[in-house]
């Protein structure tokens, strides 16, 4: 079906003008302090945090006879209604919504294959919010345990925020969990059907507003703000391979795990933000239980303490408060899949179990606690700015899925009554954001950033382990590193000592692949991947994306640095 839609389209060229040379350019979404309503950031910093569940409350389970998490025709669903309890089950409260109606109320799980309906819940999924307030300036951050959250939903959430909350700007970041509901559309029952439940997405927006409201109610004067970081590759003899591996050449990993710890004037933790780039997919594709994957173990470890062997004895004390995990550079491909994980207490895990996933989370929790212990006290001064950016949808498959509403996101700047061509290519509008808090900066991106775009590393200095080469000698289609960009790279655009590249922020537009190493299959480009390490191209908007995003970031940061 997708091929038939695409075959009716022509491709030949086209690129609208930009405003890079406009000396009067200013971020048009928000500038605080500076815009009306956020004129100053004078006075002390206040912060509040909250956690609100977004775990689906109504779905039915099914019988997975072959254990592959894909529902076959001979695998019956359990028509037990929202609570998944049928007559005769322990605790059965009586019939509820959807029970014995013959209709499968499914939650389609995102991140791997189609036709993966959830069977139950392992741990809660969350909307976790942090609100920062200084003077007239108030910023809200919501981090969702979802695979991705489109810009359309972000704008709707912003519109739903009550004015009396006083929020000048809202950032929404996805943790990119691969074991939660499909919030984008790619992972429905079949490739030609969306997996999105619009009622669920609406509820998540409502829960996000609730989370912000509760964080505002929790606002307390900050007594201490500490930013810290550690090298995650320094914790094991195999380097970074104890928590993640890079599955795409060139092997380049941003091994920096960063934290921001805010306490109130009484010394109690308000929130701990942890920033790192690694796909939350440790449970892999045969899991049927909703979970936030290793992120659950990380947050629990920071809040409550780290217990590696489960004997009830903490190897590290937690710091309390609300821990919020913020996604970093996960592209190209930062993943825990294929690892053998060893804990400091000697447990070894090499299969995709919850012990495997939680151990990765606990290892990162310990790193985060180390980063806090060795962190730098900030003199917090809050400011932020955001600008929009337009990107072309060159990916034929994405074009088809946007046109058929499989992908639940708007496209713009094309004539829907005419065939798609390079003179009539759909575009998307998205957003880049910059946040500064004293000697800490965030630069956000609406998708999955490859680490090399952020840090370079083409000289082999960022492999993160001695067990991998920069480029695998057996790669049949290796990158030509002589054509790699020389920089400045994204982190070079920032001036603070603590620099976070935040991915999947306010949108999820797939992978941002550098143009020099963007290779498409000759026969079915975007549908099939080229030989070698080129999966990411099939889930990218196109070859122009990384360059345009870099230009947008350069423009935003040029303005920020001139202030």
Protein backbone atom coordinates (compact mmCIF):
# COMPACT_ATOMS: atom_id res chain seq x y z
CA UNK A 1 0.00 0.00 0.00
CA UNK A 2 2.79 2.42 0.92
CA UNK A 3 4.63 1.61 -2.33
CA UNK A 4 1.51 2.24 -4.42
CA UNK A 5 1.04 5.65 -2.86
CA UNK A 6 4.68 6.53 -3.46
CA UNK A 7 4.74 5.29 -7.09
CA UNK A 8 2.23 8.01 -7.95
CA UNK A 9 4.77 10.68 -6.92
CA UNK A 10 7.71 12.29 -8.71
CA UNK A 11 10.96 13.46 -7.15
CA UNK A 12 13.22 16.10 -8.63
CA UNK A 13 14.48 19.02 -6.43
CA UNK A 14 13.55 22.16 -4.55
CA UNK A 15 14.50 24.04 -1.42
CA UNK A 16 12.76 27.16 -0.04
CA UNK A 17 14.81 30.15 1.06
CA UNK A 18 15.86 30.65 4.67
CA UNK A 19 16.53 33.60 6.95
CA UNK A 20 20.11 32.78 7.89
CA UNK A 21 21.33 36.11 6.60
CA UNK A 22 18.66 38.19 8.30
CA UNK A 23 20.52 40.37 10.82
CA UNK A 24 17.26 41.18 12.61
CA UNK A 25 16.45 37.54 13.26
CA UNK A 26 15.19 36.74 16.75
CA UNK A 27 13.75 33.48 18.13
CA UNK A 28 10.05 33.83 17.44
CA UNK A 29 8.54 31.21 19.77
CA UNK A 30 9.76 32.65 23.05
CA UNK A 31 12.59 34.68 24.57
CA UNK A 32 12.72 34.85 28.37
CA UNK A 33 13.61 37.10 29.99
CA UNK A 34 12.57 39.65 27.41
CA UNK A 35 9.10 38.83 26.09
CA UNK A 36 5.96 40.33 27.54
CA UNK A 37 5.13 38.55 30.77
CA UNK A 38 8.69 37.36 31.41
CA UNK A 39 10.56 40.62 31.50
CA UNK A 40 13.05 39.73 34.25
CA UNK A 41 14.82 36.81 35.89
CA UNK A 42 15.84 38.70 39.01
CA UNK A 43 15.80 37.14 42.45
CA UNK A 44 16.16 33.64 43.76
CA UNK A 45 15.40 30.49 41.78
CA UNK A 46 12.46 28.30 42.76
CA UNK A 47 11.76 24.78 41.54
CA UNK A 48 9.05 22.17 41.86
CA UNK A 49 8.68 18.62 40.58
CA UNK A 50 6.00 15.96 40.21
CA UNK A 51 5.31 12.53 38.74
CA UNK A 52 1.90 11.59 37.29
CA UNK A 53 1.10 8.16 35.86
CA UNK A 54 0.43 7.72 32.15
CA UNK A 55 0.11 3.93 32.34
CA UNK A 56 -2.89 2.85 30.21
CA UNK A 57 -5.84 2.07 32.46
CA UNK A 58 -8.01 0.13 30.00
CA UNK A 59 -6.77 -2.69 27.80
CA UNK A 60 -7.11 -6.45 27.41
CA UNK A 61 -4.44 -9.13 27.49
CA UNK A 62 -3.92 -12.15 25.24
CA UNK A 63 -2.29 -15.59 25.16
CA UNK A 64 1.19 -15.58 23.60
CA UNK A 65 1.65 -19.26 22.76
CA UNK A 66 5.05 -18.98 21.05
CA UNK A 67 6.54 -16.23 23.22
CA UNK A 68 7.41 -13.88 20.35
CA UNK A 69 5.13 -11.00 21.51
CA UNK A 70 3.40 -10.97 18.10
CA UNK A 71 -0.24 -12.01 18.14
CA UNK A 72 -1.00 -14.78 15.63
CA UNK A 73 -4.45 -15.83 14.43
CA UNK A 74 -4.50 -18.84 16.78
CA UNK A 75 -3.60 -16.76 19.85
CA UNK A 76 -6.80 -15.70 21.58
CA UNK A 77 -7.29 -12.47 23.41
CA UNK A 78 -8.73 -12.57 26.91
CA UNK A 79 -12.06 -10.75 26.72
CA UNK A 80 -11.87 -9.61 30.35
CA UNK A 81 -12.40 -5.86 29.93
CA UNK A 82 -10.33 -2.93 31.14
CA UNK A 83 -9.05 -4.53 34.34
CA UNK A 84 -7.90 -7.75 32.59
CA UNK A 85 -9.71 -9.79 35.25
CA UNK A 86 -12.24 -12.42 34.21
CA UNK A 87 -14.74 -14.34 36.28
CA UNK A 88 -12.83 -16.89 38.35
CA UNK A 89 -9.65 -14.77 38.57
CA UNK A 90 -8.41 -13.78 42.03
CA UNK A 91 -9.79 -10.39 43.00
CA UNK A 92 -12.42 -10.36 40.25
CA UNK A 93 -14.69 -7.36 41.00
CA UNK A 94 -17.37 -8.14 38.46
CA UNK A 95 -17.79 -7.32 34.80
CA UNK A 96 -16.32 -4.01 33.64
CA UNK A 97 -16.08 -2.00 30.42
CA UNK A 98 -15.54 -4.15 27.34
CA UNK A 99 -15.83 -7.48 29.09
CA UNK A 100 -17.24 -10.31 26.93
CA UNK A 101 -18.01 -7.97 24.03
CA UNK A 102 -15.91 -9.86 21.48
CA UNK A 103 -13.76 -6.81 20.72
CA UNK A 104 -10.03 -6.85 21.47
CA UNK A 105 -9.17 -3.67 23.37
CA UNK A 106 -5.48 -3.59 22.55
CA UNK A 107 -2.60 -1.31 23.44
CA UNK A 108 -0.10 -1.56 20.59
CA UNK A 109 3.44 -1.40 21.92
CA UNK A 110 5.90 0.86 20.13
CA UNK A 111 9.51 0.62 19.13
CA UNK A 112 10.03 -2.71 17.38
CA UNK A 113 7.65 -4.71 15.18
CA UNK A 114 4.00 -4.28 14.34
CA UNK A 115 1.30 -6.44 15.97
CA UNK A 116 2.76 -6.40 19.51
CA UNK A 117 -0.21 -5.90 21.85
CA UNK A 118 0.56 -5.35 25.52
CA UNK A 119 -0.17 -8.22 27.90
CA UNK A 120 0.20 -6.38 31.20
CA UNK A 121 2.19 -3.85 33.22
CA UNK A 122 5.61 -4.33 34.80
CA UNK A 123 6.11 -0.79 36.13
CA UNK A 124 4.38 2.57 35.85
CA UNK A 125 4.87 4.89 32.90
CA UNK A 126 5.16 8.54 33.91
CA UNK A 127 4.75 12.16 32.98
CA UNK A 128 7.44 13.72 35.17
CA UNK A 129 7.50 17.50 35.40
CA UNK A 130 9.99 20.08 36.62
CA UNK A 131 9.12 23.77 36.86
CA UNK A 132 11.82 26.45 37.20
CA UNK A 133 10.83 29.94 38.27
CA UNK A 134 12.92 33.10 38.66
CA UNK A 135 11.61 36.64 38.66
CA UNK A 136 8.90 36.86 35.98
CA UNK A 137 10.32 33.88 34.12
CA UNK A 138 8.83 30.39 34.43
CA UNK A 139 9.82 27.29 32.45
CA UNK A 140 8.11 23.88 32.60
CA UNK A 141 9.68 20.61 31.48
CA UNK A 142 7.63 17.43 31.09
CA UNK A 143 9.35 14.14 30.33
CA UNK A 144 7.06 11.38 29.05
CA UNK A 145 7.69 7.64 29.07
CA UNK A 146 6.72 7.29 25.40
CA UNK A 147 8.59 6.42 22.22
CA UNK A 148 8.03 9.90 20.80
CA UNK A 149 5.70 12.87 21.10
CA UNK A 150 4.91 14.92 18.02
CA UNK A 151 5.01 18.72 17.89
CA UNK A 152 1.25 18.84 17.30
CA UNK A 153 0.69 17.25 20.71
CA UNK A 154 3.19 19.63 22.33
CA UNK A 155 1.32 22.64 20.94
CA UNK A 156 -2.00 21.22 22.16
CA UNK A 157 -0.52 20.67 25.62
CA UNK A 158 0.74 24.24 25.73
CA UNK A 159 -2.71 25.50 24.77
CA UNK A 160 -4.26 23.43 27.56
CA UNK A 161 -2.06 24.89 30.31
CA UNK A 162 -4.21 27.15 32.51
CA UNK A 163 -3.07 30.76 32.39
CA UNK A 164 -2.93 30.97 36.18
CA UNK A 165 -0.02 28.50 36.19
CA UNK A 166 2.10 31.36 34.86
CA UNK A 167 4.15 29.10 32.56
CA UNK A 168 5.99 31.09 29.90
CA UNK A 169 7.22 28.07 27.98
CA UNK A 170 6.77 24.29 28.05
CA UNK A 171 9.27 21.70 26.86
CA UNK A 172 8.08 18.11 26.34
CA UNK A 173 10.73 15.41 25.99
CA UNK A 174 10.19 11.70 25.31
CA UNK A 175 12.35 9.09 27.04
CA UNK A 176 12.00 7.03 23.83
CA UNK A 177 10.97 3.85 25.66
CA UNK A 178 10.38 0.92 23.31
CA UNK A 179 8.03 -0.87 25.70
CA UNK A 180 5.14 1.60 25.95
CA UNK A 181 2.06 2.48 23.87
CA UNK A 182 2.41 3.63 20.29
CA UNK A 183 1.95 7.40 20.47
CA UNK A 184 3.13 8.07 16.90
CA UNK A 185 1.40 5.52 14.63
CA UNK A 186 4.18 3.30 13.24
CA UNK A 187 3.51 0.20 15.35
CA UNK A 188 -0.13 -0.74 14.89
CA UNK A 189 -1.61 -4.16 14.23
CA UNK A 190 -0.20 -4.04 10.69
CA UNK A 191 2.04 -1.71 8.71
CA UNK A 192 -0.92 -0.03 7.02
CA UNK A 193 -2.80 0.78 10.25
CA UNK A 194 -1.91 3.35 12.88
CA UNK A 195 -1.18 2.16 16.39
CA UNK A 196 -2.28 5.41 18.01
CA UNK A 197 -5.23 5.50 20.37
CA UNK A 198 -6.29 9.16 20.13
CA UNK A 199 -8.08 8.95 23.48
CA UNK A 200 -4.84 7.80 25.11
CA UNK A 201 -2.82 10.64 23.55
CA UNK A 202 -5.46 13.11 24.73
CA UNK A 203 -5.23 11.67 28.24
CA UNK A 204 -1.43 11.93 28.19
CA UNK A 205 -1.76 15.61 27.30
CA UNK A 206 -4.19 16.04 30.20
CA UNK A 207 -1.84 14.19 32.55
CA UNK A 208 1.01 16.42 31.38
CA UNK A 209 -1.00 19.47 32.38
CA UNK A 210 -1.71 17.84 35.74
CA UNK A 211 2.00 17.14 36.21
CA UNK A 212 2.88 20.78 35.49
CA UNK A 213 0.14 21.95 37.86
CA UNK A 214 1.47 19.73 40.64
CA UNK A 215 5.04 20.90 40.01
CA UNK A 216 3.91 24.54 40.23
CA UNK A 217 2.17 23.74 43.52
CA UNK A 218 5.45 22.21 44.71
CA UNK A 219 7.55 25.32 43.94
CA UNK A 220 10.17 25.90 46.62
CA UNK A 221 13.11 28.25 46.85
CA UNK A 222 16.25 26.49 45.67
CA UNK A 223 18.93 26.36 48.34
CA UNK A 224 21.44 24.46 46.24
CA UNK A 225 21.86 23.77 42.51
CA UNK A 226 24.62 21.34 41.58
CA UNK A 227 25.62 20.22 38.08
CA UNK A 228 27.92 17.24 37.66
CA UNK A 229 29.08 14.69 35.14
CA UNK A 230 31.03 11.45 34.88
CA UNK A 231 32.54 9.42 32.07
CA UNK A 232 30.32 6.34 31.80
CA UNK A 233 33.08 4.44 29.99
CA UNK A 234 35.37 4.63 33.05
CA UNK A 235 33.32 2.24 35.20
CA UNK A 236 34.28 -1.09 33.64
CA UNK A 237 37.28 -2.70 31.98
CA UNK A 238 35.25 -3.03 28.75
CA UNK A 239 34.52 0.68 28.82
CA UNK A 240 31.12 1.83 27.64
CA UNK A 241 30.17 -1.74 26.64
CA UNK A 242 28.83 -2.46 30.12
CA UNK A 243 25.84 -0.13 29.54
CA UNK A 244 25.60 0.51 25.79
CA UNK A 245 27.17 -0.15 22.43
CA UNK A 246 27.27 1.78 19.17
CA UNK A 247 25.81 -0.39 16.42
CA UNK A 248 26.73 1.89 13.50
CA UNK A 249 30.09 2.87 12.02
CA UNK A 250 31.83 5.11 12.76
CA UNK A 251 31.77 4.06 16.40
CA UNK A 252 31.34 7.38 18.23
CA UNK A 253 29.75 7.62 21.68
CA UNK A 254 29.14 10.60 23.93
CA UNK A 255 30.09 8.84 27.15
CA UNK A 256 29.27 11.80 29.40
CA UNK A 257 26.48 11.15 31.90
CA UNK A 258 25.30 14.45 33.41
CA UNK A 259 23.14 15.49 36.33
CA UNK A 260 21.44 18.53 37.79
CA UNK A 261 20.47 18.30 41.46
CA UNK A 262 18.18 20.88 43.06
CA UNK A 263 17.52 21.01 46.79
CA UNK A 264 15.38 23.42 48.79
CA UNK A 265 16.58 25.69 51.57
CA UNK A 266 15.99 22.90 54.11
CA UNK A 267 18.36 20.62 52.17
CA UNK A 268 15.66 18.31 50.83
CA UNK A 269 15.89 17.14 47.23
CA UNK A 270 13.39 18.74 44.88
CA UNK A 271 14.55 16.94 41.76
CA UNK A 272 17.49 15.22 40.14
CA UNK A 273 17.74 15.42 36.35
CA UNK A 274 19.90 12.76 34.69
CA UNK A 275 21.01 13.17 31.07
CA UNK A 276 22.45 10.39 28.89
CA UNK A 277 22.04 8.96 25.39
CA UNK A 278 21.03 5.29 25.15
CA UNK A 279 17.92 3.67 23.68
CA UNK A 280 15.58 2.38 26.43
CA UNK A 281 15.09 -0.94 24.65
CA UNK A 282 16.88 -3.41 26.91
CA UNK A 283 13.78 -5.63 27.07
CA UNK A 284 13.94 -6.07 23.27
CA UNK A 285 11.12 -7.13 20.97
CA UNK A 286 9.70 -10.23 22.71
CA UNK A 287 8.50 -8.46 25.84
CA UNK A 288 4.76 -7.95 26.27
CA UNK A 289 4.71 -5.94 29.51
CA UNK A 290 4.51 -2.16 29.59
CA UNK A 291 7.63 -0.74 31.20
CA UNK A 292 9.93 2.27 31.11
CA UNK A 293 12.78 -0.22 30.62
CA UNK A 294 16.16 0.62 32.22
CA UNK A 295 14.89 4.15 32.94
CA UNK A 296 12.80 2.65 35.75
CA UNK A 297 15.88 1.21 37.45
CA UNK A 298 17.79 4.45 36.98
CA UNK A 299 15.13 6.69 38.51
CA UNK A 300 14.38 4.28 41.33
CA UNK A 301 18.08 3.99 42.13
CA UNK A 302 18.62 7.76 42.29
CA UNK A 303 15.53 8.29 44.44
CA UNK A 304 15.57 5.23 46.72
CA UNK A 305 19.09 3.86 46.45
CA UNK A 306 20.87 1.16 44.46
CA UNK A 307 20.45 -2.52 45.37
CA UNK A 308 22.18 -4.59 42.70
CA UNK A 309 21.54 -8.09 44.00
CA UNK A 310 18.05 -7.53 45.43
CA UNK A 311 18.91 -8.63 48.95
CA UNK A 312 17.50 -5.45 50.48
CA UNK A 313 20.92 -3.99 51.28
CA UNK A 314 21.64 -0.75 49.47
CA UNK A 315 25.01 -0.48 47.78
CA UNK A 316 24.33 3.27 47.39
CA UNK A 317 21.91 5.53 49.25
CA UNK A 318 19.41 7.48 47.20
CA UNK A 319 18.77 11.21 47.44
CA UNK A 320 14.95 11.25 47.43
CA UNK A 321 12.92 13.75 45.48
CA UNK A 322 11.71 13.19 41.93
CA UNK A 323 14.25 11.85 39.44
CA UNK A 324 13.74 12.86 35.80
CA UNK A 325 15.62 11.15 32.97
CA UNK A 326 16.38 13.40 29.98
CA UNK A 327 17.28 11.81 26.65
CA UNK A 328 20.63 12.58 25.02
CA UNK A 329 22.19 11.59 21.68
CA UNK A 330 20.65 8.17 21.03
CA UNK A 331 21.09 7.98 17.26
CA UNK A 332 23.33 5.84 15.15
CA UNK A 333 22.75 3.47 17.19
CA UNK A 334 23.16 3.86 20.94
CA UNK A 335 21.64 0.68 22.36
CA UNK A 336 21.91 -1.81 25.24
CA UNK A 337 21.03 -4.67 22.88
CA UNK A 338 23.71 -7.32 22.55
CA UNK A 339 25.49 -6.49 25.80
CA UNK A 340 26.77 -8.62 28.64
CA UNK A 341 26.22 -6.54 31.78
CA UNK A 342 28.19 -7.01 34.98
CA UNK A 343 27.27 -5.33 38.27
CA UNK A 344 29.77 -4.30 40.96
CA UNK A 345 28.42 -7.12 43.16
CA UNK A 346 29.21 -9.76 40.54
CA UNK A 347 25.86 -10.44 38.84
CA UNK A 348 26.17 -11.03 35.09
CA UNK A 349 23.24 -10.66 32.68
CA UNK A 350 23.27 -11.30 28.94
CA UNK A 351 19.64 -11.99 28.03
CA UNK A 352 16.74 -9.60 27.68
CA UNK A 353 15.15 -9.94 31.09
CA UNK A 354 14.02 -7.39 33.64
CA UNK A 355 17.13 -8.21 35.68
CA UNK A 356 19.19 -7.23 32.61
CA UNK A 357 17.28 -3.96 32.07
CA UNK A 358 17.15 -2.95 35.72
CA UNK A 359 20.87 -3.64 36.21
CA UNK A 360 21.67 -1.20 33.41
CA UNK A 361 19.44 1.37 35.10
CA UNK A 362 21.08 0.81 38.48
CA UNK A 363 24.56 1.12 37.00
CA UNK A 364 23.55 4.48 35.55
CA UNK A 365 21.93 5.49 38.84
CA UNK A 366 25.24 4.92 40.61
CA UNK A 367 26.99 7.01 37.95
CA UNK A 368 24.43 9.76 38.49
CA UNK A 369 24.99 9.69 42.24
CA UNK A 370 28.74 9.96 41.64
CA UNK A 371 28.14 12.94 39.35
CA UNK A 372 26.15 14.62 42.11
CA UNK A 373 28.82 13.94 44.70
CA UNK A 374 31.52 15.53 42.54
CA UNK A 375 29.38 18.27 41.04
CA UNK A 376 29.79 22.03 40.80
CA UNK A 377 27.56 24.47 42.66
CA UNK A 378 25.77 26.72 40.19
CA UNK A 379 24.80 30.34 40.55
CA UNK A 380 21.50 29.79 38.77
CA UNK A 381 20.29 32.42 36.34
CA UNK A 382 17.41 31.12 34.23
CA UNK A 383 16.92 32.06 30.58
CA UNK A 384 15.50 30.31 27.54
CA UNK A 385 14.68 30.88 23.88
CA UNK A 386 13.00 28.83 21.17
CA UNK A 387 12.62 29.09 17.41
CA UNK A 388 10.76 27.12 14.78
CA UNK A 389 12.37 25.20 11.96
CA UNK A 390 10.96 23.69 8.77
CA UNK A 391 12.23 20.37 7.41
CA UNK A 392 11.35 18.57 4.15
CA UNK A 393 9.84 15.09 4.19
CA UNK A 394 11.99 13.45 1.51
CA UNK A 395 11.47 9.92 2.84
CA UNK A 396 8.98 8.24 0.48
CA UNK A 397 7.72 5.92 3.18
CA UNK A 398 7.11 8.79 5.60
CA UNK A 399 5.31 10.71 2.86
CA UNK A 400 2.94 7.79 2.39
CA UNK A 401 2.37 7.37 6.12
CA UNK A 402 1.67 11.08 6.62
CA UNK A 403 -0.80 11.08 3.72
CA UNK A 404 -2.66 8.05 5.06
CA UNK A 405 -2.65 9.29 8.69
CA UNK A 406 -0.60 6.31 9.87
CA UNK A 407 1.73 8.93 11.30
CA UNK A 408 -0.43 11.19 13.44
CA UNK A 409 1.27 14.48 12.64
CA UNK A 410 0.56 17.46 10.37
CA UNK A 411 2.52 18.27 7.22
CA UNK A 412 2.63 21.69 5.57
CA UNK A 413 3.73 23.76 2.55
CA UNK A 414 2.54 21.47 -0.23
CA UNK A 415 -0.56 21.13 -2.42
CA UNK A 416 -2.44 18.00 -1.32
CA UNK A 417 -4.46 18.03 -4.55
CA UNK A 418 -1.32 17.48 -6.64
CA UNK A 419 1.08 14.52 -6.76
CA UNK A 420 4.07 14.81 -4.47
CA UNK A 421 7.23 15.90 -6.25
CA UNK A 422 10.28 17.92 -5.35
CA UNK A 423 8.28 20.99 -6.40
CA UNK A 424 5.46 19.78 -4.16
CA UNK A 425 7.25 18.16 -1.21
CA UNK A 426 5.54 18.15 2.17
CA UNK A 427 7.40 19.81 5.02
CA UNK A 428 7.05 19.71 8.78
CA UNK A 429 7.41 22.55 11.23
CA UNK A 430 9.24 21.80 14.44
CA UNK A 431 11.23 23.56 17.16
CA UNK A 432 14.71 24.08 18.62
CA UNK A 433 15.14 25.31 22.20
CA UNK A 434 17.97 26.69 24.29
CA UNK A 435 17.90 26.77 28.10
CA UNK A 436 20.56 28.23 30.37
CA UNK A 437 20.82 27.90 34.13
CA UNK A 438 24.06 29.52 35.19
CA UNK A 439 26.95 27.33 34.03
CA UNK A 440 24.59 24.72 32.54
CA UNK A 441 23.10 24.79 29.03
CA UNK A 442 20.61 22.63 27.16
CA UNK A 443 20.21 22.65 23.40
CA UNK A 444 17.19 20.60 22.30
CA UNK A 445 16.54 18.72 19.08
CA UNK A 446 13.33 17.20 17.68
CA UNK A 447 14.61 13.70 17.03
CA UNK A 448 17.42 11.19 17.40
CA UNK A 449 20.77 12.95 17.16
CA UNK A 450 23.86 10.92 16.23
CA UNK A 451 26.64 11.62 18.76
CA UNK A 452 29.11 12.66 16.05
CA UNK A 453 26.90 15.65 15.25
CA UNK A 454 27.28 16.72 18.87
CA UNK A 455 30.93 15.97 19.61
CA UNK A 456 32.77 15.03 16.40
CA UNK A 457 34.98 12.10 17.34
CA UNK A 458 35.97 11.22 13.78
CA UNK A 459 39.59 10.92 14.95
CA UNK A 460 38.75 7.83 17.02
CA UNK A 461 38.83 9.65 20.35
CA UNK A 462 35.22 8.81 21.31
CA UNK A 463 34.85 5.07 20.65
CA UNK A 464 34.36 4.50 24.37
CA UNK A 465 35.99 1.07 24.47
CA UNK A 466 39.18 -0.67 23.37
CA UNK A 467 37.13 -3.61 22.09
CA UNK A 468 35.75 -1.76 19.05
CA UNK A 469 37.46 0.03 16.19
CA UNK A 470 36.26 3.37 14.86
CA UNK A 471 35.26 1.56 11.65
CA UNK A 472 34.80 -2.20 11.50
CA UNK A 473 37.26 -3.70 9.02
CA UNK A 474 34.52 -6.09 7.86
CA UNK A 475 32.02 -3.32 7.06
CA UNK A 476 31.01 -3.86 3.39
CA UNK A 477 29.97 -0.23 2.95
CA UNK A 478 32.11 1.82 5.35
CA UNK A 479 31.85 5.57 5.87
CA UNK A 480 34.41 7.74 4.08
CA UNK A 481 35.77 9.64 7.05
CA UNK A 482 37.74 11.96 4.77
CA UNK A 483 34.38 13.53 3.94
CA UNK A 484 33.24 13.91 7.56
CA UNK A 485 32.44 17.46 8.69
CA UNK A 486 35.18 19.30 10.57
CA UNK A 487 32.91 21.21 12.95
CA UNK A 488 32.07 23.22 14.88
CA UNK A 489 29.89 20.48 16.33
CA UNK A 490 26.74 21.06 18.35
CA UNK A 491 28.39 21.12 21.76
CA UNK A 492 30.95 23.59 20.37
CA UNK A 493 28.14 26.11 19.89
CA UNK A 494 27.59 26.37 23.64
CA UNK A 495 29.81 28.19 26.13
CA UNK A 496 28.83 26.75 29.53
CA UNK A 497 30.95 24.07 31.18
CA UNK A 498 27.96 21.71 31.40
CA UNK A 499 26.42 21.17 27.96
CA UNK A 500 23.44 18.91 27.32
CA UNK A 501 22.26 17.95 23.84
CA UNK A 502 18.66 16.95 24.55
CA UNK A 503 17.07 14.68 21.96
CA UNK A 504 13.42 13.83 21.24
CA UNK A 505 12.43 17.27 22.53
CA UNK A 506 9.08 18.68 21.39
CA UNK A 507 8.99 16.23 18.46
CA UNK A 508 10.22 12.91 17.07
CA UNK A 509 11.37 13.19 13.47
CA UNK A 510 13.59 10.13 13.35
CA UNK A 511 17.35 10.03 12.92
CA UNK A 512 19.55 13.00 12.01
CA UNK A 513 22.24 11.37 9.83
CA UNK A 514 25.25 13.39 8.58
CA UNK A 515 25.09 13.92 4.84
CA UNK A 516 28.55 12.43 4.14
CA UNK A 517 27.39 9.06 5.50
CA UNK A 518 23.76 9.11 4.34
CA UNK A 519 23.43 6.08 2.06
CA UNK A 520 20.20 4.79 0.53
CA UNK A 521 19.38 1.45 -1.03
CA UNK A 522 19.64 1.65 -4.83
CA UNK A 523 16.44 -0.31 -5.52
CA UNK A 524 13.98 0.70 -2.80
CA UNK A 525 15.40 3.81 -1.09
CA UNK A 526 13.94 4.48 2.37
CA UNK A 527 12.00 1.19 2.30
CA UNK A 528 15.05 -1.10 2.31
CA UNK A 529 18.32 -0.21 4.02
CA UNK A 530 21.59 -0.03 2.10
CA UNK A 531 24.30 -2.60 2.72
CA UNK A 532 26.30 -1.98 5.87
CA UNK A 533 25.22 0.23 8.77
CA UNK A 534 22.42 2.23 7.19
CA UNK A 535 19.23 1.36 9.02
CA UNK A 536 18.88 4.93 10.32
CA UNK A 537 18.32 6.35 6.83
CA UNK A 538 15.06 4.39 6.52
CA UNK A 539 13.79 6.20 9.62
CA UNK A 540 14.98 9.68 8.71
CA UNK A 541 13.14 12.53 7.01
CA UNK A 542 15.93 12.61 4.43
CA UNK A 543 19.46 13.58 3.50
CA UNK A 544 18.84 17.28 4.04
CA UNK A 545 17.63 16.94 7.61
CA UNK A 546 20.90 16.94 9.56
CA UNK A 547 22.27 19.93 7.63
CA UNK A 548 19.13 22.00 8.07
CA UNK A 549 18.92 21.16 11.77
CA UNK A 550 22.58 22.15 12.17
CA UNK A 551 21.91 25.44 10.39
CA UNK A 552 18.94 26.11 12.66
CA UNK A 553 21.03 25.35 15.75
CA UNK A 554 23.84 27.59 14.53
CA UNK A 555 21.36 30.40 13.97
CA UNK A 556 19.77 30.04 17.39
CA UNK A 557 23.09 29.78 19.20
CA UNK A 558 24.58 32.69 17.27
CA UNK A 559 21.72 34.81 18.56
CA UNK A 560 22.02 33.44 22.11
CA UNK A 561 25.76 34.01 22.25
CA UNK A 562 25.36 37.59 21.00
CA UNK A 563 23.08 38.56 23.88
